[in-house]
N, C-alpha and C. Protein backbone atom coordinates (compact mmCIF):
# COMPACT_ATOMS: atom_id res chain seq x y z
N MET A 1 -61.67 -224.62 -42.36
CA MET A 1 -62.85 -225.38 -42.00
C MET A 1 -64.03 -225.06 -42.91
N MET A 2 -64.14 -223.83 -43.36
CA MET A 2 -65.25 -223.45 -44.23
C MET A 2 -65.16 -224.17 -45.57
N GLY A 3 -63.95 -224.42 -46.07
CA GLY A 3 -63.78 -225.12 -47.34
C GLY A 3 -64.31 -226.54 -47.28
N ILE A 4 -64.06 -227.21 -46.18
CA ILE A 4 -64.54 -228.58 -46.01
C ILE A 4 -66.06 -228.61 -45.93
N ALA A 5 -66.63 -227.69 -45.18
CA ALA A 5 -68.09 -227.64 -45.05
C ALA A 5 -68.74 -227.33 -46.40
N TYR A 6 -68.15 -226.43 -47.16
CA TYR A 6 -68.68 -226.10 -48.49
C TYR A 6 -68.59 -227.30 -49.43
N PHE A 7 -67.48 -228.03 -49.37
CA PHE A 7 -67.30 -229.22 -50.19
C PHE A 7 -68.35 -230.28 -49.84
N ILE A 8 -68.57 -230.49 -48.56
CA ILE A 8 -69.56 -231.48 -48.13
C ILE A 8 -70.97 -231.07 -48.53
N LEU A 9 -71.27 -229.78 -48.42
CA LEU A 9 -72.59 -229.29 -48.83
C LEU A 9 -72.80 -229.48 -50.33
N LYS A 10 -71.78 -229.19 -51.12
CA LYS A 10 -71.89 -229.38 -52.57
C LYS A 10 -72.03 -230.86 -52.93
N ALA A 11 -71.41 -231.73 -52.16
CA ALA A 11 -71.50 -233.17 -52.44
C ALA A 11 -72.79 -233.79 -51.92
N ALA A 12 -73.42 -233.15 -50.93
CA ALA A 12 -74.59 -233.76 -50.29
C ALA A 12 -75.89 -233.53 -51.03
N TRP A 13 -76.03 -232.42 -51.76
CA TRP A 13 -77.35 -232.14 -52.35
C TRP A 13 -77.78 -233.16 -53.39
N PRO A 14 -76.88 -233.74 -54.23
CA PRO A 14 -77.37 -234.78 -55.14
C PRO A 14 -77.84 -236.03 -54.40
N ILE A 15 -77.23 -236.32 -53.27
CA ILE A 15 -77.64 -237.49 -52.50
C ILE A 15 -79.07 -237.30 -52.00
N PHE A 16 -79.35 -236.13 -51.46
CA PHE A 16 -80.70 -235.86 -50.96
C PHE A 16 -81.71 -235.75 -52.10
N ALA A 17 -81.30 -235.13 -53.20
CA ALA A 17 -82.23 -234.92 -54.31
C ALA A 17 -82.59 -236.22 -55.03
N LEU A 18 -81.64 -237.15 -55.11
CA LEU A 18 -81.87 -238.37 -55.88
C LEU A 18 -82.13 -239.60 -55.03
N SER A 19 -82.10 -239.46 -53.71
CA SER A 19 -82.28 -240.63 -52.85
C SER A 19 -83.69 -241.23 -52.97
N LEU A 20 -84.68 -240.42 -53.26
CA LEU A 20 -86.03 -240.95 -53.42
C LEU A 20 -86.11 -241.90 -54.62
N LEU A 21 -85.44 -241.53 -55.72
CA LEU A 21 -85.42 -242.43 -56.87
C LEU A 21 -84.72 -243.75 -56.54
N TYR A 22 -83.69 -243.68 -55.73
CA TYR A 22 -82.99 -244.90 -55.33
C TYR A 22 -83.85 -245.74 -54.41
N ILE A 23 -84.50 -245.11 -53.45
CA ILE A 23 -85.32 -245.85 -52.49
C ILE A 23 -86.49 -246.54 -53.19
N LEU A 24 -87.10 -245.85 -54.13
CA LEU A 24 -88.23 -246.44 -54.86
C LEU A 24 -87.78 -247.43 -55.93
N GLY A 25 -86.49 -247.48 -56.22
CA GLY A 25 -85.98 -248.40 -57.23
C GLY A 25 -86.36 -247.98 -58.64
N LYS A 26 -86.47 -246.70 -58.89
CA LYS A 26 -86.95 -246.20 -60.18
C LYS A 26 -85.82 -245.69 -61.07
N GLY A 27 -84.82 -246.49 -61.31
CA GLY A 27 -83.88 -246.14 -62.37
C GLY A 27 -82.50 -245.72 -61.96
N LEU A 28 -82.26 -245.30 -60.75
CA LEU A 28 -80.93 -244.90 -60.35
C LEU A 28 -80.39 -245.82 -59.28
N GLY A 29 -79.14 -246.19 -59.45
CA GLY A 29 -78.48 -247.00 -58.44
C GLY A 29 -77.63 -246.12 -57.53
N ALA A 30 -77.10 -246.72 -56.49
CA ALA A 30 -76.28 -245.97 -55.54
C ALA A 30 -75.02 -245.44 -56.21
N GLY A 31 -74.47 -246.17 -57.15
CA GLY A 31 -73.28 -245.71 -57.86
C GLY A 31 -73.54 -244.47 -58.70
N ASP A 32 -74.71 -244.41 -59.31
CA ASP A 32 -75.08 -243.22 -60.09
C ASP A 32 -75.19 -241.99 -59.20
N ILE A 33 -75.77 -242.17 -58.03
CA ILE A 33 -75.91 -241.06 -57.09
C ILE A 33 -74.54 -240.62 -56.59
N LYS A 34 -73.66 -241.57 -56.31
CA LYS A 34 -72.31 -241.21 -55.88
C LYS A 34 -71.56 -240.47 -56.98
N LEU A 35 -71.74 -240.89 -58.23
CA LEU A 35 -71.08 -240.20 -59.33
C LEU A 35 -71.59 -238.77 -59.48
N PHE A 36 -72.90 -238.56 -59.35
CA PHE A 36 -73.44 -237.20 -59.37
C PHE A 36 -72.92 -236.38 -58.19
N SER A 37 -72.76 -237.00 -57.04
CA SER A 37 -72.27 -236.30 -55.86
C SER A 37 -70.83 -235.84 -56.05
N VAL A 38 -69.99 -236.70 -56.56
CA VAL A 38 -68.59 -236.32 -56.82
C VAL A 38 -68.53 -235.26 -57.91
N MET A 39 -69.34 -235.42 -58.94
CA MET A 39 -69.37 -234.44 -60.02
C MET A 39 -69.77 -233.07 -59.49
N SER A 40 -70.75 -233.03 -58.62
CA SER A 40 -71.21 -231.76 -58.07
C SER A 40 -70.13 -231.08 -57.24
N SER A 41 -69.40 -231.86 -56.47
CA SER A 41 -68.38 -231.26 -55.62
C SER A 41 -67.17 -230.80 -56.43
N VAL A 42 -66.93 -231.38 -57.58
CA VAL A 42 -65.75 -231.02 -58.37
C VAL A 42 -66.07 -229.91 -59.38
N VAL A 43 -67.15 -230.04 -60.14
CA VAL A 43 -67.41 -229.08 -61.22
C VAL A 43 -68.53 -228.09 -60.91
N GLY A 44 -69.25 -228.27 -59.82
CA GLY A 44 -70.29 -227.31 -59.45
C GLY A 44 -71.69 -227.83 -59.71
N SER A 45 -72.63 -227.18 -59.07
CA SER A 45 -74.00 -227.66 -59.13
C SER A 45 -74.69 -227.35 -60.45
N GLN A 46 -74.36 -226.24 -61.09
CA GLN A 46 -75.03 -225.88 -62.35
C GLN A 46 -74.72 -226.89 -63.44
N LEU A 47 -73.45 -227.26 -63.60
CA LEU A 47 -73.10 -228.26 -64.60
C LEU A 47 -73.67 -229.62 -64.24
N THR A 48 -73.74 -229.93 -62.94
CA THR A 48 -74.31 -231.21 -62.52
C THR A 48 -75.79 -231.30 -62.89
N VAL A 49 -76.54 -230.24 -62.68
CA VAL A 49 -77.96 -230.23 -63.06
C VAL A 49 -78.09 -230.35 -64.57
N ASP A 50 -77.25 -229.65 -65.31
CA ASP A 50 -77.27 -229.77 -66.77
C ASP A 50 -76.98 -231.19 -67.21
N VAL A 51 -76.02 -231.84 -66.57
CA VAL A 51 -75.69 -233.24 -66.90
C VAL A 51 -76.85 -234.15 -66.55
N MET A 52 -77.51 -233.91 -65.42
CA MET A 52 -78.67 -234.73 -65.04
C MET A 52 -79.75 -234.68 -66.12
N VAL A 53 -80.09 -233.48 -66.55
CA VAL A 53 -81.15 -233.32 -67.55
C VAL A 53 -80.72 -233.90 -68.89
N THR A 54 -79.50 -233.59 -69.32
CA THR A 54 -79.02 -234.07 -70.62
C THR A 54 -78.87 -235.58 -70.64
N SER A 55 -78.43 -236.18 -69.54
CA SER A 55 -78.28 -237.64 -69.53
C SER A 55 -79.62 -238.35 -69.59
N VAL A 56 -80.66 -237.77 -69.00
CA VAL A 56 -82.01 -238.35 -69.11
C VAL A 56 -82.48 -238.29 -70.56
N ILE A 57 -82.22 -237.17 -71.23
CA ILE A 57 -82.63 -237.03 -72.63
C ILE A 57 -81.88 -238.02 -73.51
N ILE A 58 -80.57 -238.15 -73.30
CA ILE A 58 -79.78 -239.10 -74.10
C ILE A 58 -80.25 -240.52 -73.86
N ALA A 59 -80.45 -240.90 -72.60
CA ALA A 59 -80.91 -242.26 -72.29
C ALA A 59 -82.28 -242.52 -72.90
N GLY A 60 -83.17 -241.54 -72.85
CA GLY A 60 -84.49 -241.70 -73.45
C GLY A 60 -84.43 -241.90 -74.95
N CYS A 61 -83.56 -241.16 -75.61
CA CYS A 61 -83.40 -241.32 -77.06
C CYS A 61 -82.84 -242.70 -77.41
N VAL A 62 -81.87 -243.16 -76.62
CA VAL A 62 -81.29 -244.48 -76.88
C VAL A 62 -82.34 -245.57 -76.67
N ILE A 63 -83.12 -245.46 -75.60
CA ILE A 63 -84.17 -246.46 -75.35
C ILE A 63 -85.21 -246.45 -76.46
N LEU A 64 -85.57 -245.27 -76.93
CA LEU A 64 -86.54 -245.17 -78.02
C LEU A 64 -86.02 -245.83 -79.29
N VAL A 65 -84.78 -245.56 -79.64
CA VAL A 65 -84.18 -246.15 -80.84
C VAL A 65 -84.06 -247.67 -80.69
N LEU A 66 -83.60 -248.14 -79.54
CA LEU A 66 -83.48 -249.58 -79.32
C LEU A 66 -84.84 -250.27 -79.33
N SER A 67 -85.84 -249.64 -78.75
CA SER A 67 -87.19 -250.22 -78.74
C SER A 67 -87.76 -250.32 -80.15
N LEU A 68 -87.54 -249.28 -80.96
CA LEU A 68 -88.03 -249.32 -82.34
C LEU A 68 -87.26 -250.36 -83.16
N TYR A 69 -85.96 -250.47 -82.91
CA TYR A 69 -85.15 -251.43 -83.65
C TYR A 69 -85.53 -252.87 -83.31
N ARG A 70 -85.73 -253.14 -82.03
CA ARG A 70 -86.06 -254.50 -81.60
C ARG A 70 -87.56 -254.79 -81.66
N LYS A 71 -88.36 -253.76 -81.91
CA LYS A 71 -89.83 -253.88 -81.98
C LYS A 71 -90.43 -254.43 -80.70
N GLN A 72 -89.82 -254.08 -79.59
CA GLN A 72 -90.36 -254.42 -78.28
C GLN A 72 -89.79 -253.44 -77.25
N LEU A 73 -90.49 -253.29 -76.15
CA LEU A 73 -90.07 -252.38 -75.10
C LEU A 73 -88.87 -252.97 -74.36
N ILE A 74 -87.88 -252.15 -74.11
CA ILE A 74 -86.70 -252.59 -73.38
C ILE A 74 -87.07 -252.71 -71.90
N LYS A 75 -86.85 -253.88 -71.32
CA LYS A 75 -87.23 -254.10 -69.93
C LYS A 75 -86.04 -254.29 -69.01
N GLY A 76 -84.85 -254.39 -69.56
CA GLY A 76 -83.67 -254.62 -68.74
C GLY A 76 -83.16 -253.35 -68.08
N LYS A 77 -82.19 -253.52 -67.23
CA LYS A 77 -81.57 -252.39 -66.55
C LYS A 77 -80.56 -251.73 -67.48
N LEU A 78 -80.46 -250.42 -67.37
CA LEU A 78 -79.48 -249.65 -68.12
C LEU A 78 -78.28 -249.34 -67.25
N HIS A 79 -77.13 -249.25 -67.86
CA HIS A 79 -75.95 -248.74 -67.16
C HIS A 79 -75.95 -247.23 -67.38
N TYR A 80 -76.53 -246.52 -66.45
CA TYR A 80 -76.79 -245.10 -66.61
C TYR A 80 -75.51 -244.27 -66.63
N SER A 81 -74.42 -244.82 -66.09
CA SER A 81 -73.17 -244.06 -66.05
C SER A 81 -72.65 -243.75 -67.46
N PHE A 82 -72.96 -244.57 -68.44
CA PHE A 82 -72.55 -244.29 -69.82
C PHE A 82 -73.21 -243.00 -70.32
N TYR A 83 -74.48 -242.84 -70.02
CA TYR A 83 -75.21 -241.65 -70.47
C TYR A 83 -74.80 -240.41 -69.69
N MET A 84 -74.46 -240.59 -68.41
CA MET A 84 -73.96 -239.48 -67.61
C MET A 84 -72.62 -239.00 -68.16
N THR A 85 -71.76 -239.92 -68.51
CA THR A 85 -70.46 -239.57 -69.05
C THR A 85 -70.60 -238.89 -70.41
N ALA A 86 -71.47 -239.42 -71.25
CA ALA A 86 -71.70 -238.80 -72.56
C ALA A 86 -72.24 -237.39 -72.42
N ALA A 87 -73.17 -237.20 -71.50
CA ALA A 87 -73.74 -235.86 -71.28
C ALA A 87 -72.69 -234.90 -70.74
N PHE A 88 -71.85 -235.38 -69.84
CA PHE A 88 -70.81 -234.52 -69.27
C PHE A 88 -69.86 -234.02 -70.36
N PHE A 89 -69.38 -234.93 -71.20
CA PHE A 89 -68.44 -234.52 -72.25
C PHE A 89 -69.14 -233.71 -73.35
N LEU A 90 -70.38 -234.01 -73.63
CA LEU A 90 -71.13 -233.23 -74.62
C LEU A 90 -71.30 -231.79 -74.13
N LEU A 91 -71.56 -231.61 -72.85
CA LEU A 91 -71.76 -230.26 -72.31
C LEU A 91 -70.45 -229.47 -72.19
N GLN A 92 -69.33 -230.15 -72.26
CA GLN A 92 -68.04 -229.44 -72.21
C GLN A 92 -67.83 -228.60 -73.47
N PHE A 93 -68.50 -228.97 -74.56
CA PHE A 93 -68.32 -228.29 -75.84
C PHE A 93 -69.54 -227.49 -76.25
N LYS A 94 -70.44 -227.15 -75.32
CA LYS A 94 -71.69 -226.52 -75.69
C LYS A 94 -71.57 -225.06 -76.09
N SER A 95 -70.51 -224.36 -75.73
CA SER A 95 -70.42 -222.95 -76.12
C SER A 95 -69.61 -222.76 -77.31
């Protein structure tokens, strides 16, 4: 029973931490939060936090490059799961 409770606790903290961004509509969708939740329960919270920070940096760099290339601010929605996946695999080779 303790294993199940620990698994649920590890999966629940990204939902609580990121739900405000979802409620306000500021960049994260429900699927992104679910992906972070599954990631946290499988690989642990430290790697999940690292992926969160790294994916924001990668997405920001991509938006900056696209905005400079198109000479206008990008106003559309991003598929954030691409940047989350890139950050996850990039962090697998960090040491």
